[in-house]
């Protein structure tokens, strides 16, 4: 259910479910991060790693 929201993040571990959530969000013009397929995502979250003092 994406009604009334402006941002969705889907990371269910099931690519079919993530694809459906992304499609539902896209149909309502809602930003969506799809963890299963970054190229199909309308938005991305950055990945950051810290090792000692290097980021």
PDB file of N, CA and C in Angstrom:
ATOM      1  N   UNK A   1       0.848  -1.177   0.000  1.00  0.00           N
ATOM      2  CA  UNK A   1       0.000   0.000   0.000  1.00  0.00           C
ATOM      3  C   UNK A   1       0.895   1.241   0.000  1.00  0.00           C
ATOM      4  N   UNK A   2       0.858   1.985  -1.067  1.00  0.00           N
ATOM      5  CA  UNK A   2       1.677   3.193  -1.174  1.00  0.00           C
ATOM      6  C   UNK A   2       0.824   4.455  -1.210  1.00  0.00           C
ATOM      7  N   UNK A   3      -0.460   4.326  -0.915  1.00  0.00           N
ATOM      8  CA  UNK A   3      -1.349   5.488  -0.938  1.00  0.00           C
ATOM      9  C   UNK A   3      -0.949   6.511   0.118  1.00  0.00           C
ATOM     10  N   UNK A   4      -0.843   7.769  -0.309  1.00  0.00           N
ATOM     11  CA  UNK A   4      -0.597   8.864   0.614  1.00  0.00           C
ATOM     12  C   UNK A   4       0.851   9.064   1.021  1.00  0.00           C
ATOM     13  N   UNK A   5       1.786   8.355   0.400  1.00  0.00           N
ATOM     14  CA  UNK A   5       3.193   8.528   0.754  1.00  0.00           C
ATOM     15  C   UNK A   5       3.931   9.207  -0.392  1.00  0.00           C
ATOM     16  N   UNK A   6       5.123   9.735  -0.122  1.00  0.00           N
ATOM     17  CA  UNK A   6       5.912  10.377  -1.180  1.00  0.00           C
ATOM     18  C   UNK A   6       7.211   9.629  -1.459  1.00  0.00           C
ATOM     19  N   UNK A   7       7.537   8.626  -0.604  1.00  0.00           N
ATOM     20  CA  UNK A   7       8.787   7.878  -0.767  1.00  0.00           C
ATOM     21  C   UNK A   7       8.579   6.443  -0.304  1.00  0.00           C
ATOM     22  N   UNK A   8       9.089   5.488  -1.092  1.00  0.00           N
ATOM     23  CA  UNK A   8       8.985   4.065  -0.763  1.00  0.00           C
ATOM     24  C   UNK A   8      10.365   3.435  -0.910  1.00  0.00           C
ATOM     25  N   UNK A   9      10.698   2.528  -0.004  1.00  0.00           N
ATOM     26  CA  UNK A   9      11.904   1.723  -0.161  1.00  0.00           C
ATOM     27  C   UNK A   9      11.478   0.264  -0.073  1.00  0.00           C
ATOM     28  N   UNK A  10      11.819  -0.514  -1.100  1.00  0.00           N
ATOM     29  CA  UNK A  10      11.457  -1.923  -1.112  1.00  0.00           C
ATOM     30  C   UNK A  10      12.715  -2.779  -1.137  1.00  0.00           C
ATOM     31  N   UNK A  11      12.807  -3.662  -0.156  1.00  0.00           N
ATOM     32  CA  UNK A  11      13.966  -4.555  -0.024  1.00  0.00           C
ATOM     33  C   UNK A  11      13.488  -5.852   0.617  1.00  0.00           C
ATOM     34  N   UNK A  12      12.569  -6.526  -0.062  1.00  0.00           N
ATOM     35  CA  UNK A  12      11.952  -7.721   0.516  1.00  0.00           C
ATOM     36  C   UNK A  12      12.803  -8.972   0.370  1.00  0.00           C
ATOM     37  N   UNK A  13      13.768  -8.934  -0.560  1.00  0.00           N
ATOM     38  CA  UNK A  13      14.531 -10.132  -0.868  1.00  0.00           C
ATOM     39  C   UNK A  13      13.884 -10.958  -1.967  1.00  0.00           C
ATOM     40  N   UNK A  14      12.697 -10.552  -2.395  1.00  0.00           N
ATOM     41  CA  UNK A  14      11.982 -11.220  -3.486  1.00  0.00           C
ATOM     42  C   UNK A  14      11.877 -10.232  -4.647  1.00  0.00           C
ATOM     43  N   UNK A  15      12.680 -10.405  -5.693  1.00  0.00           N
ATOM     44  CA  UNK A  15      12.678  -9.448  -6.806  1.00  0.00           C
ATOM     45  C   UNK A  15      11.302  -9.219  -7.424  1.00  0.00           C
ATOM     46  N   UNK A  16      10.450 -10.233  -7.462  1.00  0.00           N
ATOM     47  CA  UNK A  16       9.111 -10.064  -8.032  1.00  0.00           C
ATOM     48  C   UNK A  16       8.272  -9.109  -7.186  1.00  0.00           C
ATOM     49  N   UNK A  17       8.365  -9.239  -5.876  1.00  0.00           N
ATOM     50  CA  UNK A  17       7.630  -8.339  -4.979  1.00  0.00           C
ATOM     51  C   UNK A  17       8.186  -6.925  -5.094  1.00  0.00           C
ATOM     52  N   UNK A  18       9.513  -6.791  -5.085  1.00  0.00           N
ATOM     53  CA  UNK A  18      10.127  -5.468  -5.207  1.00  0.00           C
ATOM     54  C   UNK A  18       9.731  -4.799  -6.523  1.00  0.00           C
ATOM     55  N   UNK A  19       9.666  -5.573  -7.607  1.00  0.00           N
ATOM     56  CA  UNK A  19       9.260  -5.027  -8.903  1.00  0.00           C
ATOM     57  C   UNK A  19       7.819  -4.538  -8.854  1.00  0.00           C
ATOM     58  N   UNK A  20       6.938  -5.289  -8.206  1.00  0.00           N
ATOM     59  CA  UNK A  20       5.534  -4.878  -8.107  1.00  0.00           C
ATOM     60  C   UNK A  20       5.385  -3.622  -7.255  1.00  0.00           C
ATOM     61  N   UNK A  21       6.104  -3.562  -6.140  1.00  0.00           N
ATOM     62  CA  UNK A  21       6.056  -2.367  -5.289  1.00  0.00           C
ATOM     63  C   UNK A  21       6.549  -1.157  -6.078  1.00  0.00           C
ATOM     64  N   UNK A  22       7.640  -1.321  -6.820  1.00  0.00           N
ATOM     65  CA  UNK A  22       8.168  -0.230  -7.645  1.00  0.00           C
ATOM     66  C   UNK A  22       7.153   0.215  -8.688  1.00  0.00           C
ATOM     67  N   UNK A  23       6.494  -0.742  -9.320  1.00  0.00           N
ATOM     68  CA  UNK A  23       5.483  -0.411 -10.328  1.00  0.00           C
ATOM     69  C   UNK A  23       4.311   0.335  -9.706  1.00  0.00           C
ATOM     70  N   UNK A  24       3.880  -0.092  -8.530  1.00  0.00           N
ATOM     71  CA  UNK A  24       2.789   0.599  -7.836  1.00  0.00           C
ATOM     72  C   UNK A  24       3.186   2.031  -7.497  1.00  0.00           C
ATOM     73  N   UNK A  25       4.418   2.205  -7.043  1.00  0.00           N
ATOM     74  CA  UNK A  25       4.909   3.545  -6.715  1.00  0.00           C
ATOM     75  C   UNK A  25       5.000   4.402  -7.975  1.00  0.00           C
ATOM     76  N   UNK A  26       5.567   3.852  -9.029  1.00  0.00           N
ATOM     77  CA  UNK A  26       5.714   4.590 -10.287  1.00  0.00           C
ATOM     78  C   UNK A  26       4.359   5.030 -10.831  1.00  0.00           C
ATOM     79  N   UNK A  27       3.364   4.171 -10.727  1.00  0.00           N
ATOM     80  CA  UNK A  27       2.023   4.493 -11.221  1.00  0.00           C
ATOM     81  C   UNK A  27       1.430   5.700 -10.509  1.00  0.00           C
ATOM     82  N   UNK A  28       1.868   5.928  -9.258  1.00  0.00           N
ATOM     83  CA  UNK A  28       1.365   7.060  -8.480  1.00  0.00           C
ATOM     84  C   UNK A  28       2.388   8.188  -8.380  1.00  0.00           C
ATOM     85  N   UNK A  29       3.458   8.102  -9.186  1.00  0.00           N
ATOM     86  CA  UNK A  29       4.509   9.118  -9.227  1.00  0.00           C
ATOM     87  C   UNK A  29       5.151   9.329  -7.851  1.00  0.00           C
ATOM     88  N   UNK A  30       5.478   8.215  -7.207  1.00  0.00           N
ATOM     89  CA  UNK A  30       6.105   8.219  -5.885  1.00  0.00           C
ATOM     90  C   UNK A  30       7.553   7.774  -6.050  1.00  0.00           C
ATOM     91  N   UNK A  31       8.482   8.500  -5.408  1.00  0.00           N
ATOM     92  CA  UNK A  31       9.888   8.099  -5.418  1.00  0.00           C
ATOM     93  C   UNK A  31      10.001   6.717  -4.801  1.00  0.00           C
ATOM     94  N   UNK A  32      10.789   5.836  -5.437  1.00  0.00           N
ATOM     95  CA  UNK A  32      10.955   4.480  -4.917  1.00  0.00           C
ATOM     96  C   UNK A  32      12.390   4.011  -5.084  1.00  0.00           C
ATOM     97  N   UNK A  33      12.956   3.465  -4.016  1.00  0.00           N
ATOM     98  CA  UNK A  33      14.250   2.789  -4.056  1.00  0.00           C
ATOM     99  C   UNK A  33      13.956   1.295  -4.088  1.00  0.00           C
ATOM    100  N   UNK A  34      14.397   0.642  -5.154  1.00  0.00           N
ATOM    101  CA  UNK A  34      14.199  -0.793  -5.316  1.00  0.00           C
ATOM    102  C   UNK A  34      15.538  -1.484  -5.073  1.00  0.00           C
ATOM    103  N   UNK A  35      15.682  -2.148  -3.946  1.00  0.00           N
ATOM    104  CA  UNK A  35      16.949  -2.794  -3.592  1.00  0.00           C
ATOM    105  C   UNK A  35      17.285  -3.958  -4.519  1.00  0.00           C
ATOM    106  N   UNK A  36      16.299  -4.514  -5.188  1.00  0.00           N
ATOM    107  CA  UNK A  36      16.541  -5.639  -6.094  1.00  0.00           C
ATOM    108  C   UNK A  36      17.057  -5.207  -7.459  1.00  0.00           C
ATOM    109  N   UNK A  37      16.774  -3.954  -7.854  1.00  0.00           N
ATOM    110  CA  UNK A  37      17.135  -3.505  -9.203  1.00  0.00           C
ATOM    111  C   UNK A  37      17.371  -2.001  -9.200  1.00  0.00           C
ATOM    112  N   UNK A  38      18.621  -1.593  -8.962  1.00  0.00           N
ATOM    113  CA  UNK A  38      18.908  -0.161  -8.857  1.00  0.00           C
ATOM    114  C   UNK A  38      18.626   0.577 -10.158  1.00  0.00           C
ATOM    115  N   UNK A  39      18.747  -0.094 -11.296  1.00  0.00           N
ATOM    116  CA  UNK A  39      18.494   0.581 -12.566  1.00  0.00           C
ATOM    117  C   UNK A  39      17.010   0.865 -12.778  1.00  0.00           C
ATOM    118  N   UNK A  40      16.145   0.151 -12.093  1.00  0.00           N
ATOM    119  CA  UNK A  40      14.708   0.382 -12.196  1.00  0.00           C
ATOM    120  C   UNK A  40      14.206   1.315 -11.098  1.00  0.00           C
ATOM    121  N   UNK A  41      15.106   1.811 -10.269  1.00  0.00           N
ATOM    122  CA  UNK A  41      14.719   2.681  -9.158  1.00  0.00           C
ATOM    123  C   UNK A  41      14.572   4.126  -9.603  1.00  0.00           C
ATOM    124  N   UNK A  42      13.590   4.795  -9.037  1.00  0.00           N
ATOM    125  CA  UNK A  42      13.411   6.224  -9.287  1.00  0.00           C
ATOM    126  C   UNK A  42      14.326   7.046  -8.384  1.00  0.00           C
ATOM    127  N   UNK A  43      14.863   6.417  -7.341  1.00  0.00           N
ATOM    128  CA  UNK A  43      15.749   7.106  -6.398  1.00  0.00           C
ATOM    129  C   UNK A  43      16.787   6.101  -5.909  1.00  0.00           C
ATOM    130  N   UNK A  44      17.876   6.612  -5.367  1.00  0.00           N
ATOM    131  CA  UNK A  44      18.955   5.760  -4.860  1.00  0.00           C
ATOM    132  C   UNK A  44      19.364   6.239  -3.481  1.00  0.00           C
ATOM    133  N   UNK A  45      19.880   5.326  -2.679  1.00  0.00           N
ATOM    134  CA  UNK A  45      20.477   5.692  -1.399  1.00  0.00           C
ATOM    135  C   UNK A  45      21.969   5.396  -1.502  1.00  0.00           C
ATOM    136  N   UNK A  46      22.792   6.267  -0.954  1.00  0.00           N
ATOM    137  CA  UNK A  46      24.236   6.058  -1.066  1.00  0.00           C
ATOM    138  C   UNK A  46      24.713   4.950  -0.127  1.00  0.00           C
ATOM    139  N   UNK A  47      25.736   4.260  -0.559  1.00  0.00           N
ATOM    140  CA  UNK A  47      26.396   3.273   0.293  1.00  0.00           C
ATOM    141  C   UNK A  47      27.683   3.908   0.808  1.00  0.00           C
ATOM    142  N   UNK A  48      27.933   3.767   2.083  1.00  0.00           N
ATOM    143  CA  UNK A  48      29.119   4.369   2.690  1.00  0.00           C
ATOM    144  C   UNK A  48      29.834   3.298   3.501  1.00  0.00           C
ATOM    145  N   UNK A  49      31.138   3.246   3.340  1.00  0.00           N
ATOM    146  CA  UNK A  49      31.950   2.325   4.134  1.00  0.00           C
ATOM    147  C   UNK A  49      33.023   3.126   4.858  1.00  0.00           C
ATOM    148  N   UNK A  50      33.302   2.751   6.085  1.00  0.00           N
ATOM    149  CA  UNK A  50      34.352   3.392   6.857  1.00  0.00           C
ATOM    150  C   UNK A  50      35.321   2.307   7.318  1.00  0.00           C
ATOM    151  N   UNK A  51      36.593   2.483   6.976  1.00  0.00           N
ATOM    152  CA  UNK A  51      37.652   1.578   7.416  1.00  0.00           C
ATOM    153  C   UNK A  51      38.736   2.446   8.029  1.00  0.00           C
ATOM    154  N   UNK A  52      38.929   2.274   9.315  1.00  0.00           N
ATOM    155  CA  UNK A  52      39.828   3.142  10.071  1.00  0.00           C
ATOM    156  C   UNK A  52      39.389   4.589   9.867  1.00  0.00           C
ATOM    157  N   UNK A  53      40.261   5.432   9.303  1.00  0.00           N
ATOM    158  CA  UNK A  53      39.875   6.833   9.113  1.00  0.00           C
ATOM    159  C   UNK A  53      39.577   7.152   7.642  1.00  0.00           C
ATOM    160  N   UNK A  54      39.396   6.127   6.829  1.00  0.00           N
ATOM    161  CA  UNK A  54      39.101   6.319   5.408  1.00  0.00           C
ATOM    162  C   UNK A  54      37.615   6.067   5.166  1.00  0.00           C
ATOM    163  N   UNK A  55      37.004   7.013   4.480  1.00  0.00           N
ATOM    164  CA  UNK A  55      35.587   6.853   4.168  1.00  0.00           C
ATOM    165  C   UNK A  55      35.401   6.887   2.681  1.00  0.00           C
TER     166      UNK A  55
END
